[in-house]
Every structure is written in C-alpha cells, then in structure tokens.
Amino acid sequence: MTREASDATDAQTPLGLLTAIWVAYLLLPLHLLQQFRVTISGWTIPIYYLFAVPPVLGLALYAVLSKKEWGRVEAIWWLWPLVLLGSIVLSPSPGWSMREAASWMLRGFAIGGMYLIWTTDSPLRILRWVYVAAVAAALGGLMEMGFDRNPLVDPLAVQSVAPTPEQTNPLYSPYRPGARLPMTSPRPMGTQGNRIPYTASILPFFALALAFCARGGPWRWPHRLAALVLLSLLLLSGCLSVLIGLAALLCVYGITIGIGRKIIIAGIFALAAVGGLWCVAVHSAPGWQNVFLKQTSIRHRLDSYRTVGALKEHVVFGVGYGQYPNVYLPYYKGPLEHLPTPDNQYLRWLIETGAWGFAALAGSIAWLIHAGRTRLKERQDPDKSRTYDALLAGWAGLATSFLFFDGFYWGACNMTFWSFLGLWATCLKPRPAALR
C-alpha cells in the first residue's frame, strides 16, 4: 500500500466524523440550545458547547499532531490565525476576544483546515452527504412556509435581551432568566431560527446541484428535482441578500464553465423576471409579504457604515476581536440602536481586526482562488474541474451574502464558508504519485 493510499484510509473515520458535524449544523438549530446551561466550578457553560467544542477540538489536535508532511497551502492555512494575534492581545478584553476567535475557528476555520489536510481525492464524496442534508433542510423550509409552522425552531425561538451585570465569567456572557422576546425573523426560519442565515447556508449547494445535473447519468433527474427544491426555497424566501448571493453564484459559475458574459447577464435578468412572476403567483408566501416594507433593516445596514469611525485610534489591529458591540454606539445613528451588529461580516471584521486583518483576509482568499484556478487549468481534468467550479461558485454566493449579515457568528454559515474554501484549496495539493 502506498503512503497516499495509507493516508487516505487513515482519514476515512475522522472525515466521517467531521462531515457528521457539518451535517448536524445544517440540520439542527444548535446555537439556540444556548438557553440550556450548566454551571461547572462557577463557570456558566451552554450545554451545546459540550457537544460542539470537544469533538472539533479533538479532531483538530489529531489532524495537526498526526500530520507528517506539510504542504505549503496546508501550512499557510493553519498558521493564518496568527493574523488575529494583535487584535486579541491589544483588545480591551483579551479573554473575551480569545473566546470569540476560538469560536470562529472551531465552528468554521478549523473545519476547513481539516478538510484540506484529510481530503486526498475529489471532494465529491464528502459533498454528496452534505448536499443531501442541505436539500433536506430546504424541504423543511418549504414545508414551514406552507404550514406556517416550524416544530424544530418554534419552541426555541426566543432571544435574550438583557445581560447579567454581576456575571464574572470572562468566556461567556449569559442573560437574565425571563428577559426574552420572541424572534422577529419572518419565515422560513428553517434550521437556524433566522431567515437570512438559514437560506444563506443552503445557497452554496445550489451550485453543486447544477454541477450534478451537468454530469448526466441515471441520477440526473433526482438532481434536477433537488435543484428545483433549492431554487424554490431561495426564491420564495424573499430574502434579498440571498438573491444577490444567488446572482453572484450564477455569475461565477457561468464564468468558470465558459458561458459568455452576455448569456450570464441574460440569465440573471431571466432569473429576476421569473422570481418576480413567481412572487405574484404565490403572493401569499410568507417570505415575500413584507420584503419591500422593512426599510428599517436597509437603513440599519447603511447607517452601520458610520461605525468605521471606531477605527480612529485602532487603525492597524482594530478595536479587538469580538468587541464591536462595545464600540458601535457612539458612531451609530440608525434605527436599531439595540442591535450590536452591523449586519455586514466584512465591515465587522474591518472594525474588529483593523486594516491588517482585513487586508490579510482579502489578500489570502484572493491568492487562494487565483492559485487554484491556475492549477486547475494546468491539470486539464474536466471532471474534477466541474466539481471545483461548483465549489468556487457556491462559496462566492455565500461570501456575497455575508455583505448583509455577520456570517462568521452563525455556525452553519461559518462552517460552510470555510469548508467550501478548504475543499477548494485541495486542488493546490500535490497530486498522488499514482496520478502523476
């Protein structure tokens, strides 16, 4: 047995566990379980942390410690979090910033890094299982809109509104019992308890559905049906941010597979026309009832750009990772003063990590995409290229939607963002010796 074959065999079990975690985040509202807590040695800990953190942390340690030979892209990926060191050390609350950075890593970045280490063949085998879970989650959303009921989320759909001032736990900030309000997100709340992150977490898998349909074969009709389910959810949800992400997905997918620009533009206009007609035909769909009436959310996002003023004295490393809620009020003049997020992941990243963190994030991702595209052209493998084209297009759609909400703070979205990017980065790994 060759070293490559041995490594692939050793990775099967951890890859299976990793994929099961991803599927769980897509299908279950794990973050809503923060309402249920335990106290251990005076530390208040949400119960779901005990199920979410130890498995991922254990797998990450195993991945890093058992890795014998590091490729360039793998080493860069796992060393990249050092970029955040300045925004943690110089934070007014380093403990909280470290906690927030660890949450970002364990619920996303590290997952993508493990896929990068353990995936030695085409990512298709992994993606099939997660793709099925995404289609199932989309079906649940369509049923929720049809029956105006979500038995998975409705019992848990409450949000805390008042912090406990006497809390001394630096790694967790719980809320007063009873100080809760019903969530105001319109349906479908899906498996995430909020329409925007729910539909955004489903969006990238539409690109996979398109790729599976293009492959033909006996499964083409089930894949076409899956594509219809995914597209129906995205259109009927009435979520403008996700529709913009869908347009970006189609643009990137069209470019990568060689469709002309005119055809791409015509396709986007056709999609908009079909979406508009569909909305008229199904005007009672809950997601579309108030889509143009909720101007408050639009004003909130626009006014949030004023909060960049918080960088005046923290240009290089930002105000500290996870510290946006503590600095935005003096600069924010919008309608939602109680909402401690700009609903724009990249604006929040800029404010919290400064010019250094923002440039590092943008530059690293741009390099990864450019290098990957170059490598795929050199290999000239149409079958694998189709999978990677879908990965890039799906990731681009999700990344675009992050302009309208803080995606790194939603487990399913954060995990999907970095998992798609990590699986895309596998095209930069050296080819197995048997295929050279």
Foldseek 3Di string as FASTA:
>chain_A
DDPLVVLLVVLPVVLVVLLVLLLCLLAAQLVLQQVDWDADPNAIDRPSCVVQPPSLVVSLVCLVVVDDDDDPVLVCLVVVVVLQVVLLVPAPQNLQLVLLSSLLCSLASSSLSSCLRNDQDFCVVSVVVSLVSLLVLLVLQVVCLVVVDRPRPVVSQKDAQAWDVVDDNSNDTDHDPPRIDGDPAWGPCTNNSHLLLSLLLSQLSLLVLVLLCVVDDPCNVVSVVSNVSNLVSQLLLLDVLLLVLNLQLLVLLCVLVPHDPVVSVVVNVVSVVVSVVVCVVPVSRRNNVCSPPPCLLVQLLVQQLQQLVLCPVPAAQANHRPCQLVRRQVRGPGDCSSDSFSQAQLSNQCRSGHPSRSCSVVVVLVVLVVVLSVLCVVVPDVSSSSSLSSLVSSLSSSNSSNRRGNQSVRSSSSRSNSNSSSSNSSSVDDRPPVVD
